[in-house]
Protein backbone atom coordinates (compact mmCIF):
# COMPACT_ATOMS: atom_id res chain seq x y z
CA MET A 1 0.43 -0.02 -0.15
CA SER A 2 1.44 3.40 -0.70
CA SER A 3 2.46 6.02 1.47
CA ASN A 4 -0.52 8.53 0.01
CA LEU A 5 -3.43 5.78 0.42
CA THR A 6 -2.27 5.28 3.87
CA ALA A 7 -2.24 9.13 4.24
CA TYR A 8 -5.54 9.10 2.95
CA ILE A 9 -6.98 6.25 5.52
CA ALA A 10 -5.58 7.71 8.41
CA LEU A 11 -7.17 11.23 7.40
CA PHE A 12 -10.52 9.58 6.53
CA SER A 13 -10.10 7.48 9.67
CA THR A 14 -9.23 10.70 12.09
CA SER A 15 -12.33 12.38 10.75
CA GLY A 16 -14.83 9.10 11.78
CA VAL A 17 -13.23 9.10 15.04
CA ILE A 18 -13.75 12.60 15.50
CA ASN A 19 -16.98 12.40 14.70
CA LEU A 20 -17.91 9.09 16.52
CA TYR A 21 -16.39 10.91 19.65
CA LEU A 22 -18.80 13.85 18.95
CA CYS A 23 -21.68 11.79 18.89
CA MET A 24 -20.79 9.27 21.96
CA TYR A 25 -20.02 12.97 23.89
CA VAL A 26 -23.04 14.52 23.32
CA PHE A 27 -25.16 11.19 23.93
CA PHE A 28 -24.05 10.70 27.19
CA ARG A 29 -25.10 14.49 28.18
CA ARG A 30 -28.17 14.44 26.34
CA HIS A 31 -30.00 15.35 29.13
CA GLN A 32 -28.33 18.73 29.79
CA TYR A 33 -28.86 19.87 26.16
CA THR A 34 -31.71 20.73 24.38
CA ASN A 35 -33.29 18.36 21.99
CA ILE A 36 -31.04 19.84 19.06
CA ALA A 37 -28.54 17.72 20.20
CA TYR A 38 -30.51 14.45 18.74
CA TYR A 39 -30.28 16.24 15.35
CA PHE A 40 -26.61 17.01 16.22
CA MET A 41 -25.98 12.93 16.94
CA LEU A 42 -27.68 11.62 13.71
CA TYR A 43 -25.54 14.10 11.73
CA THR A 44 -22.48 13.07 13.26
CA VAL A 45 -23.35 8.97 13.28
CA SER A 46 -23.99 9.70 9.31
CA ILE A 47 -20.58 11.55 8.75
CA SER A 48 -18.69 8.60 10.79
CA ILE A 49 -20.26 6.14 8.60
CA TYR A 50 -19.40 7.73 5.28
CA CYS A 51 -15.47 8.81 6.61
CA PHE A 52 -15.26 4.87 7.82
CA GLY A 53 -16.91 3.66 4.75
CA SER A 54 -14.23 5.39 2.58
CA ALA A 55 -11.70 4.74 4.52
CA LEU A 56 -12.11 0.83 4.28
CA GLY A 57 -13.14 1.31 0.63
CA LEU A 58 -9.44 2.26 0.62
CA THR A 59 -8.44 -1.23 1.62
CA ALA A 60 -10.31 -2.91 -0.85
CA THR A 61 -8.35 -5.01 -3.43
CA THR A 62 -11.23 -6.57 -6.07
CA LEU A 63 -14.12 -4.83 -7.46
CA SER A 64 -16.96 -6.71 -5.39
CA GLY A 65 -14.98 -5.05 -1.95
CA LEU A 66 -14.72 -1.84 -3.66
CA LYS A 67 -18.35 -2.04 -4.32
CA PHE A 68 -19.33 -3.28 -0.59
CA TRP A 69 -17.43 -0.59 0.87
CA ASN A 70 -19.12 2.12 -1.23
CA THR A 71 -22.48 0.34 -0.81
CA ILE A 72 -21.63 0.96 3.66
CA LEU A 73 -20.16 4.63 3.09
CA TYR A 74 -23.52 5.47 1.15
CA ILE A 75 -25.79 4.73 3.92
CA GLY A 76 -24.28 7.69 5.85
CA MET A 77 -22.94 10.53 2.96
CA PRO A 78 -26.15 11.06 1.46
CA ALA A 79 -28.18 11.36 4.55
CA SER A 80 -25.28 13.58 6.04
CA ALA A 81 -26.22 16.44 4.07
CA THR A 82 -29.76 16.37 4.51
CA LEU A 83 -29.23 15.67 8.44
CA GLY A 84 -26.65 18.45 8.33
CA LEU A 85 -29.49 21.02 6.99
CA LEU A 86 -32.34 19.83 9.59
CA PHE A 87 -29.90 20.39 12.32
CA ALA A 88 -28.96 23.98 11.35
CA MET A 89 -32.91 24.62 10.83
CA LYS A 90 -33.40 23.68 14.30
CA TYR A 91 -30.18 25.57 15.44
CA LEU A 92 -31.89 28.52 14.55
CA GLY A 93 -34.97 27.58 15.95
CA MET A 94 -37.12 27.09 12.49
CA LYS A 95 -39.50 24.80 12.50
CA ILE A 96 -39.06 21.24 10.41
CA LYS A 97 -41.81 20.11 8.66
CA ALA A 98 -42.52 16.84 8.57
CA ALA A 99 -44.24 16.80 4.63
CA TRP A 100 -40.50 17.78 3.68
CA ALA A 101 -38.28 16.59 6.05
CA LEU A 102 -39.46 12.59 5.58
CA PRO A 103 -39.25 13.23 1.84
CA LEU A 104 -35.46 14.69 1.86
CA LEU A 105 -34.34 11.34 4.04
CA SER A 106 -36.55 8.83 1.96
CA ILE A 107 -34.16 10.24 -1.19
CA SER A 108 -31.14 9.52 1.14
CA ALA A 109 -32.41 6.20 1.80
CA ILE A 110 -33.39 5.59 -2.06
CA THR A 111 -29.82 6.68 -3.12
CA CYS A 112 -28.26 4.39 -0.61
CA VAL A 113 -30.46 1.59 -2.26
CA MET A 114 -29.81 2.47 -5.62
CA VAL A 115 -25.89 2.30 -5.36
CA ALA A 116 -26.39 -1.32 -3.76
CA THR A 117 -28.59 -2.14 -6.90
CA ASN A 118 -26.50 -0.51 -9.27
CA ASP A 119 -25.25 -3.63 -11.26
CA PHE A 120 -29.08 -4.06 -12.19
CA HIS A 121 -29.91 -0.81 -13.64
CA ASN A 122 -26.56 1.19 -13.85
CA LEU A 123 -28.65 4.49 -12.69
CA HIS A 124 -26.27 5.56 -10.48
CA TYR A 125 -23.25 4.69 -12.11
CA LYS A 126 -23.01 3.89 -15.92
CA VAL A 127 -19.69 2.40 -15.21
CA PHE A 128 -17.83 1.35 -11.60
CA GLU A 129 -14.64 -0.30 -12.58
CA ILE A 130 -11.00 -0.78 -11.14
CA ASP A 131 -8.98 1.91 -12.66
CA PRO A 132 -6.41 0.00 -15.29
CA VAL A 133 -3.85 2.11 -14.80
CA LEU A 134 -3.87 2.76 -10.97
CA GLY A 135 -5.53 -0.61 -10.06
CA ALA A 136 -7.19 -1.35 -6.67
CA PRO A 137 -8.60 0.37 -4.85
CA PHE A 138 -8.87 3.65 -7.74
CA VAL A 139 -11.52 2.82 -9.88
CA VAL A 140 -12.74 4.65 -13.03
CA GLN A 141 -16.70 5.59 -13.09
CA GLU A 142 -19.19 7.39 -15.38
CA ILE A 143 -22.10 9.03 -13.41
CA GLY A 144 -25.66 8.21 -14.55
CA PRO A 145 -28.62 10.21 -13.62
CA TRP A 146 -29.80 9.29 -10.14
CA TYR A 147 -25.69 10.36 -9.68
CA ILE A 148 -26.96 14.01 -10.70
CA PHE A 149 -29.62 13.93 -8.84
CA HIS A 150 -28.29 12.88 -5.80
CA GLY A 151 -25.66 15.32 -6.09
CA ILE A 152 -27.91 18.11 -7.18
CA LEU A 153 -29.47 17.45 -3.55
CA THR A 154 -26.55 16.93 -1.54
CA PHE A 155 -24.92 20.20 -2.74
CA SER A 156 -28.05 21.95 -2.35
CA SER A 157 -28.57 20.91 1.21
CA MET A 158 -25.07 21.89 2.34
CA PHE A 159 -25.81 25.61 0.25
CA VAL A 160 -29.39 26.46 2.08
CA ALA A 161 -27.73 25.14 5.41
CA PHE A 162 -24.98 27.31 4.90
CA LEU A 163 -27.02 30.46 3.58
CA LEU A 164 -29.71 30.30 6.60
CA MET A 165 -26.60 30.42 9.19
CA LEU A 166 -25.44 32.94 7.45
CA SER A 167 -28.73 35.24 7.30
CA ARG A 168 -28.79 34.88 10.97
CA TRP A 169 -24.95 36.39 11.40
CA ARG A 170 -26.04 39.86 11.94
CA GLU A 171 -28.99 39.22 14.71
CA THR A 172 -27.31 36.88 16.92
CA ALA A 173 -25.91 38.17 20.10
CA ARG A 174 -22.22 38.22 20.15
CA VAL A 175 -21.98 35.37 22.92
CA TYR A 176 -23.28 32.72 20.36
CA ARG A 177 -21.37 34.32 17.09
CA ALA A 178 -18.39 31.81 18.02
CA GLN A 179 -20.72 29.10 18.11
CA LEU A 180 -22.43 30.44 14.73
CA LEU A 181 -19.13 30.71 12.97
CA PHE A 182 -17.77 27.43 13.81
CA LEU A 183 -21.19 25.90 12.18
CA LEU A 184 -20.54 28.44 9.35
CA ILE A 185 -16.87 26.85 8.42
CA GLY A 186 -18.40 23.31 9.22
CA GLN A 187 -20.95 23.99 6.17
CA PHE A 188 -18.46 25.89 4.36
CA ILE A 189 -15.15 23.79 4.21
CA PRO A 190 -17.06 20.45 2.86
CA MET A 191 -19.31 22.23 0.34
CA VAL A 192 -16.16 23.89 -0.97
CA THR A 193 -14.36 20.43 -1.19
CA ALA A 194 -17.73 18.48 -2.85
CA PHE A 195 -17.70 21.45 -5.61
CA ILE A 196 -13.86 21.13 -6.57
CA TYR A 197 -14.38 17.18 -6.56
CA LEU A 198 -17.30 17.15 -9.03
CA LEU A 199 -15.24 19.46 -11.34
CA GLY A 200 -12.26 16.71 -11.22
CA PHE A 201 -9.52 19.39 -9.64
CA THR A 202 -9.30 16.34 -6.71
CA PRO A 203 -6.30 13.48 -7.15
CA PRO A 204 -8.28 10.87 -9.57
CA GLY A 205 -10.02 8.09 -7.72
CA ILE A 206 -10.29 9.90 -4.25
CA ASP A 207 -13.14 11.68 -2.54
CA PRO A 208 -11.89 14.30 -0.26
CA VAL A 209 -14.45 15.28 1.23
CA PRO A 210 -13.74 12.92 4.23
CA MET A 211 -10.54 14.49 4.24
CA VAL A 212 -11.41 17.65 5.47
CA LEU A 213 -14.23 16.63 7.83
CA TRP A 214 -11.43 16.06 10.54
CA PHE A 215 -11.08 19.97 10.89
CA THR A 216 -14.77 20.94 10.85
CA SER A 217 -15.51 18.24 13.48
CA LEU A 218 -12.70 19.73 15.89
CA LEU A 219 -14.32 23.12 15.24
CA TYR A 220 -17.46 20.94 16.48
CA VAL A 221 -15.32 19.63 19.44
CA TRP A 222 -14.18 23.38 20.66
CA SER A 223 -17.55 24.58 20.25
CA ILE A 224 -19.11 22.58 22.39
CA ASN A 225 -16.53 22.65 25.10
CA THR A 226 -15.93 26.43 25.15
CA THR A 227 -18.86 28.14 24.20
CA ARG A 228 -22.10 25.62 25.66
CA MET A 229 -23.35 24.86 22.21
CA PHE A 230 -26.44 22.80 22.74
CA ALA A 231 -26.60 24.00 26.69
CA VAL A 232 -27.37 27.13 25.67
CA VAL A 233 -28.40 27.62 22.12
CA PRO A 234 -29.25 31.08 20.03
CA ILE A 235 -32.97 30.73 19.36
CA ALA A 236 -33.60 32.62 16.27
CA LYS A 237 -35.66 35.78 16.21
CA ASP A 238 -38.97 34.26 14.76
CA ALA A 239 -38.88 31.43 17.12
CA ILE A 240 -38.85 33.17 20.70
CA PHE A 241 -40.38 36.65 18.68
CA ASN A 242 -43.69 34.42 17.42
CA SER A 243 -43.83 32.11 20.57
CA ILE A 244 -44.32 34.11 23.79
CA ASN A 245 -47.98 35.43 24.75
CA ASP A 246 -47.21 38.70 25.11
CA GLY A 247 -47.77 41.21 21.86
CA VAL A 248 -44.31 42.82 20.77
CA VAL A 249 -43.71 46.19 18.84
CA VAL A 250 -40.63 46.94 17.63
CA LEU A 251 -39.97 51.07 16.56
CA ASP A 252 -37.28 52.70 15.02
CA ASP A 253 -36.08 55.68 16.54
CA THR A 254 -38.30 58.16 14.51
CA HIS A 255 -41.12 55.76 16.07
CA GLN A 256 -41.75 54.07 12.49
CA LEU A 257 -43.07 50.19 12.87
CA ILE A 258 -40.31 48.19 11.73
CA GLU A 259 -41.74 44.39 13.23
CA PHE A 260 -44.47 43.23 15.13
CA ASN A 261 -45.01 39.47 16.53
CA GLN A 262 -47.77 37.41 15.83
CA SER A 263 -49.15 37.83 19.09
CA PHE A 264 -49.69 41.13 18.70
CA LYS A 265 -51.79 40.32 15.31
CA GLY A 266 -54.01 38.43 16.95
CA MET A 267 -54.42 40.92 19.51
CA PHE A 268 -55.13 43.56 16.67
CA PRO A 269 -55.97 41.56 13.82
CA LEU A 270 -55.65 44.75 11.19
CA ILE A 271 -51.77 45.21 11.52
CA HIS A 272 -50.04 44.12 8.49
CA ARG A 273 -46.72 44.12 7.07
CA SER A 274 -47.42 46.77 4.72
CA MET A 275 -47.70 49.47 7.77
CA TYR A 276 -44.10 48.66 8.02
CA GLY A 277 -42.08 52.05 7.80
CA MET A 278 -45.66 53.84 9.62
CA ASN A 279 -45.50 56.33 12.26
CA PHE A 280 -46.71 54.10 15.28
CA ASN A 281 -49.64 56.70 15.87
CA GLN A 282 -50.82 56.60 12.75
CA VAL A 283 -50.50 52.91 12.88
CA TRP A 284 -52.74 52.57 16.04
CA GLN A 285 -54.85 55.25 14.78
CA GLU A 286 -55.96 52.83 12.05
CA LEU A 287 -56.18 49.87 14.50
CA VAL A 288 -58.77 50.94 17.13
CA ASP A 289 -59.38 54.56 15.70
CA GLU A 290 -58.34 56.38 18.84
CA PRO A 291 -55.06 58.48 19.43
CA PHE A 292 -52.58 56.03 21.05
CA PRO A 293 -52.75 57.30 24.44
CA LEU A 294 -49.20 57.10 25.85
CA THR A 295 -46.03 59.49 24.71
CA LEU A 296 -43.56 57.85 22.76
CA ASP A 297 -40.02 58.49 24.26
CA ALA A 298 -37.16 57.14 25.28
CA SER A 299 -37.95 56.57 28.79
CA SER A 300 -38.88 53.23 30.61
CA VAL A 301 -42.88 53.08 30.83
CA THR A 302 -45.48 50.59 32.07
CA SER A 303 -49.02 51.84 31.82
CA GLU A 304 -52.37 50.48 31.37
CA ILE A 305 -54.87 51.23 28.42
CA ASN A 306 -58.75 50.40 28.10
CA LEU A 307 -59.79 49.85 24.72
CA GLU A 308 -63.75 50.47 25.18
CA SER A 309 -64.43 50.99 21.63
CA PHE A 310 -63.37 46.76 20.52
CA PRO A 311 -66.50 44.85 20.58
CA ILE A 312 -65.74 43.09 23.61
CA PRO A 313 -63.29 45.27 25.82
CA TYR A 314 -60.14 44.94 26.13
CA ILE A 315 -57.45 46.05 29.23
CA TYR A 316 -53.97 45.73 28.19
CA GLN A 317 -50.66 46.24 30.17
CA ILE A 318 -48.06 48.22 27.80
CA ARG A 319 -44.66 48.55 28.71
CA MET A 320 -42.25 50.50 26.60
CA LEU A 321 -38.36 49.95 26.92
CA PRO A 322 -35.99 52.09 24.82
CA LEU A 323 -33.82 49.41 22.32
CA GLN A 324 -30.68 49.36 20.53
CA HIS A 325 -30.33 47.28 17.93
CA ALA A 326 -28.35 46.54 14.88
CA ASN A 327 -25.61 48.99 13.67
CA ASN A 328 -25.82 50.84 16.95
CA GLN A 329 -29.87 52.47 16.10
CA LYS A 330 -31.76 53.08 18.72
CA GLY A 331 -35.47 52.44 18.84
CA MET A 332 -38.07 51.19 21.19
CA LEU A 333 -40.09 48.04 22.42
CA LEU A 334 -43.24 48.09 23.04
CA ILE A 335 -44.78 44.96 24.86
CA PHE A 336 -48.58 44.26 25.06
CA THR A 337 -50.17 41.70 27.67
CA GLU A 338 -53.46 41.13 27.60
CA VAL A 339 -54.59 41.51 31.41
CA SER A 340 -58.76 41.74 30.95
CA GLU A 341 -59.52 38.51 32.65
CA LEU A 342 -56.88 39.45 35.36
CA LYS A 343 -58.35 43.09 36.02
CA ARG A 344 -61.87 40.81 36.36
CA LEU A 345 -60.80 38.72 38.63
CA GLN A 346 -59.00 41.69 40.66
CA ARG A 347 -62.21 43.70 40.66
CA GLU A 348 -64.27 40.33 41.67
CA LEU A 349 -61.71 39.97 44.77
CA GLU A 350 -62.17 43.38 45.49
CA ASN A 351 -66.00 43.31 45.34
CA ARG A 352 -65.82 40.31 47.72
CA ALA A 353 -63.12 42.08 50.29
CA TYR A 354 -64.63 45.55 50.34
CA TYR A 355 -68.76 45.10 49.10
CA ASP A 356 -71.68 43.27 50.63
CA GLU A 357 -72.80 40.77 48.25
CA LEU A 358 -76.48 41.45 49.06
CA THR A 359 -76.75 45.46 48.91
CA GLN A 360 -73.27 45.96 46.74
CA LEU A 361 -73.09 48.73 49.25
CA TYR A 362 -69.64 48.70 51.30
CA ASN A 363 -69.31 46.06 53.88
CA ARG A 364 -67.99 46.38 57.38
CA ARG A 365 -64.24 45.97 56.74
CA ALA A 366 -64.41 48.69 53.68
CA PHE A 367 -66.80 50.61 55.90
CA PHE A 368 -63.74 50.76 59.05
CA GLU A 369 -60.87 51.17 56.70
CA LYS A 370 -62.30 54.29 54.64
CA GLY A 371 -64.17 55.90 57.37
CA GLU A 372 -60.83 56.00 60.24
CA LEU A 373 -59.41 57.66 57.03
CA ASP A 374 -61.88 60.41 56.55
CA LEU A 375 -61.88 60.75 60.65
CA ILE A 376 -58.14 61.35 60.47
CA LEU A 377 -58.58 63.92 57.61
CA ALA A 378 -61.20 65.45 59.25
CA LYS A 379 -59.33 66.29 62.67
CA GLU A 380 -55.98 67.32 60.79
CA ASP A 381 -58.16 69.76 58.60
CA GLU A 382 -60.85 70.74 61.80
CA LEU A 383 -63.86 69.60 60.03
CA PRO A 384 -66.42 68.00 61.68
CA TYR A 385 -67.30 64.41 61.39
CA SER A 386 -70.20 62.41 62.10
CA LEU A 387 -71.77 58.65 61.92
CA ILE A 388 -75.29 57.74 61.45
CA LEU A 389 -76.21 54.18 62.67
CA PHE A 390 -79.49 52.74 61.58
CA ASP A 391 -81.67 49.59 61.30
CA VAL A 392 -84.83 48.39 59.82
CA ASP A 393 -87.61 48.27 62.48
CA HIS A 394 -89.00 44.87 62.88
CA PHE A 395 -87.03 43.06 60.36
CA LYS A 396 -87.37 39.61 61.64
CA LYS A 397 -91.26 40.23 61.42
CA VAL A 398 -90.46 40.66 58.01
CA ASN A 399 -88.86 37.65 57.65
CA ASP A 400 -90.77 35.07 59.63
CA ARG A 401 -94.09 36.39 57.72
CA PHE A 402 -92.92 36.49 54.01
CA GLY A 403 -89.43 34.54 54.20
CA HIS A 404 -85.65 35.50 53.92
CA ASP A 405 -86.18 36.04 50.01
CA VAL A 406 -88.65 39.05 50.90
CA GLY A 407 -86.32 40.12 53.50
CA ASP A 408 -83.04 40.38 51.16
CA LEU A 409 -85.11 42.44 48.47
CA LEU A 410 -86.46 44.93 51.47
CA LEU A 411 -82.75 45.20 52.85
CA LYS A 412 -81.47 46.05 48.86
CA HIS A 413 -84.73 48.13 48.81
CA VAL A 414 -83.30 49.99 52.05
CA ALA A 415 -79.73 50.49 50.53
CA ASP A 416 -81.34 51.76 46.99
CA VAL A 417 -83.68 54.36 48.30
CA CYS A 418 -80.89 55.68 50.65
CA LYS A 419 -78.02 55.70 48.36
CA SER A 420 -80.14 58.05 45.98
CA GLN A 421 -80.75 60.45 48.99
CA LEU A 422 -76.77 60.77 49.72
CA GLU A 423 -73.93 62.40 48.84
CA GLU A 424 -71.06 60.73 46.67
CA SER A 425 -68.76 62.11 49.73
CA SER A 426 -70.86 60.00 51.88
CA ILE A 427 -69.46 56.31 53.17
CA PHE A 428 -72.52 53.79 53.07
CA ALA A 429 -72.26 50.56 54.82
CA ARG A 430 -74.19 47.68 55.54
CA TYR A 431 -73.03 46.99 59.15
CA GLY A 432 -74.37 43.62 59.71
CA GLY A 433 -77.63 41.96 59.51
CA GLU A 434 -80.54 44.71 58.80
CA GLU A 435 -77.81 47.43 60.27
CA PHE A 436 -76.44 50.32 57.98
CA VAL A 437 -73.59 53.10 58.82
CA ILE A 438 -72.95 56.36 56.96
CA GLY A 439 -70.18 58.36 57.72
CA LEU A 440 -70.36 62.10 56.70
CA LYS A 441 -67.48 64.10 56.38
CA ASP A 442 -67.63 68.01 56.92
CA LYS A 443 -71.33 67.45 58.58
CA THR A 444 -71.94 68.46 62.03
CA GLY A 445 -73.90 66.63 64.52
CA SER A 446 -76.99 68.38 63.70
CA GLU A 447 -76.58 68.03 59.73
CA ALA A 448 -76.38 64.55 60.06
CA GLU A 449 -79.49 64.59 61.99
CA LYS A 450 -80.96 66.48 59.38
CA VAL A 451 -80.14 64.08 56.82
CA ALA A 452 -81.09 60.88 58.75
CA GLU A 453 -84.73 62.30 59.14
CA ARG A 454 -84.76 62.91 55.58
CA LEU A 455 -83.65 59.36 54.98
CA ARG A 456 -86.25 58.18 57.55
CA LEU A 457 -88.85 59.99 56.00
CA LYS A 458 -88.30 59.10 52.32
CA LEU A 459 -88.07 55.11 53.22
CA GLU A 460 -90.98 55.56 55.11
CA SER A 461 -92.86 56.80 52.16
CA SER A 462 -91.24 54.38 49.66
CA PRO A 463 -92.98 51.32 50.55
CA LEU A 464 -91.34 48.03 49.10
CA VAL A 465 -94.02 46.88 45.97
CA LEU A 466 -94.80 43.05 45.79
CA PRO A 467 -97.04 41.77 43.48
CA GLU A 468 -99.06 40.89 46.42
CA GLN A 469 -99.13 43.62 48.31
CA ALA A 470 -96.69 46.66 49.67
CA ILE A 471 -94.26 46.41 52.73
CA THR A 472 -93.89 49.90 54.46
CA VAL A 473 -90.58 50.58 55.82
CA THR A 474 -89.56 52.51 58.73
CA VAL A 475 -86.00 52.52 60.47
CA SER A 476 -84.67 53.93 64.02
CA SER A 477 -81.47 55.92 63.76
CA GLY A 478 -78.85 57.09 66.46
CA VAL A 479 -76.52 60.03 65.35
CA ALA A 480 -73.28 61.07 67.02
CA GLU A 481 -70.49 63.75 66.28
CA ALA A 482 -66.93 63.06 66.41
CA GLN A 483 -65.65 65.54 69.26
CA ALA A 484 -62.74 67.92 68.35
CA HIS A 485 -59.42 68.13 69.29
CA THR A 486 -59.77 64.71 70.97
CA GLU A 487 -58.11 61.13 69.76
CA GLU A 488 -61.72 59.65 69.53
CA THR A 489 -61.64 56.89 67.31
CA LEU A 490 -64.15 55.45 64.79
CA HIS A 491 -64.88 52.44 67.03
CA GLN A 492 -65.37 55.10 69.93
CA LEU A 493 -67.69 56.98 67.56
CA LEU A 494 -70.04 54.04 66.57
CA LYS A 495 -70.39 53.05 70.04
CA LYS A 496 -71.95 56.68 70.55
CA SER A 497 -74.16 55.90 67.27
CA ASP A 498 -75.37 52.89 68.70
CA GLU A 499 -76.42 54.04 72.09
CA ALA A 500 -78.41 56.71 70.62
CA LEU A 501 -79.82 54.04 68.11
CA TYR A 502 -80.73 52.15 71.54
CA VAL A 503 -82.28 55.33 72.84
CA ALA A 504 -84.47 55.23 69.41
CA LYS A 505 -85.56 51.91 69.92
CA ARG A 506 -86.56 52.14 73.38
CA GLN A 507 -88.49 55.25 72.63
CA GLY A 508 -90.79 54.02 69.63
CA ARG A 509 -88.61 53.27 66.97
CA ASN A 510 -89.15 55.08 63.62
CA GLN A 511 -87.20 58.08 64.68
CA VAL A 512 -83.88 59.73 64.65
CA GLN A 513 -82.20 60.05 68.27
CA MET A 514 -78.66 62.36 68.55
CA TYR A 515 -76.04 60.90 71.14
CA ARG A 516 -75.99 63.14 74.42
CA GLU A 517 -73.69 62.18 77.12
CA ASN A 518 -75.18 60.17 79.96
CA VAL A 519 -78.29 59.90 77.73
CA GLY A 520 -80.55 56.47 78.87
């Protein structure tokens, strides 16, 4: 065996060993990586078969041996180009569809079968014989139509993979560019070598591609160990940009629209790529028929907008972030998060926490929170503050005679009538059972007493009308005014109102009593 053949075999075998090492290395660490590792393992296995088949083919001394090892290398070689393309697409975050990936892999399998059965049809090789001058393992071959078809497919797969990765160079973060560079070289060198081989500029009878694969494989080894390739893979813009649930809009430094994702289009179906280059204020006007409510500037802002004009009202949280993208150009990122359901749940929880379910008035908890604050502010501003505490007379008899459903209607009726008579600044709450309380800021005791009397008269003249009959409503009220320049609390003031209410009940009900010291 000549020294040249020995060198070729050594180079082919080295390439095969390195790729086999890469496959095993990634396999034993596959749980640490993303699923791209599986594509890489298939890719390196196919290259290993290609390289080892090529090396063993150079040891053959008969035509049958040459054909056997040629069939073996074709198990890996056709698939390696297709798997390299799939690996590149997966690395870039592109969606791989079985509708076209499976036919490509099927063609690779067909090529292997065509080589193995070439003696019966001569579609891959018209001629495949031992070189009469150089002898085995060198061959003379005349290519057939399937060889041409397979060659075009192989070269196209490598070329497309190279172009796809090259197209993502500018948008790839610097920290990941070393990975991308190694992958680009890994596609470029075999592709150029294969092209030179097809042009006939390489040693006769020798496929030079396995000779260079050891170099590209070492680049992969370096990348896996130094840049954490597979553990941290740069996801392409389309993959992450269009997969997140938030709507995202990218503006340039003049607030012109330069990009949006699928989630934003789902939120605002009228958005279209024809709007690229339009000022975002104009875009927004066309989308929702109203001006954009926020000012577009360079600062980070988080706000909410309520789109009542939509058939179904939506609430969006908008985050505006300054952005610096390619070529140091500045722009802005707008992130839209649909929070309508969240706001609905928040309102529901707030309603349960602060409002009485039956009457939709403030509940006892809300009254104390708001009333204590009003009392403190009134004292600080040296303003009067008064309370009215009242309950429905003989409410138990209503429940016993007409049932609790009618009793509930009566309480709602009392709440509605009183609410219509009170100022918005009043704090009106259901204190418990048939008891209600009203906090009156800026009202003296005598003014609060007049309010209570007005409510009593209004309720007495406004019976609850039912289909069968009308139920007259009367209430008893106790009124108390907070003492100025004291540390009197809301609880103490309520106790005074309660004492006055007790007097009103004891003296016959359906009346208003003002709290007085030593009353009762």
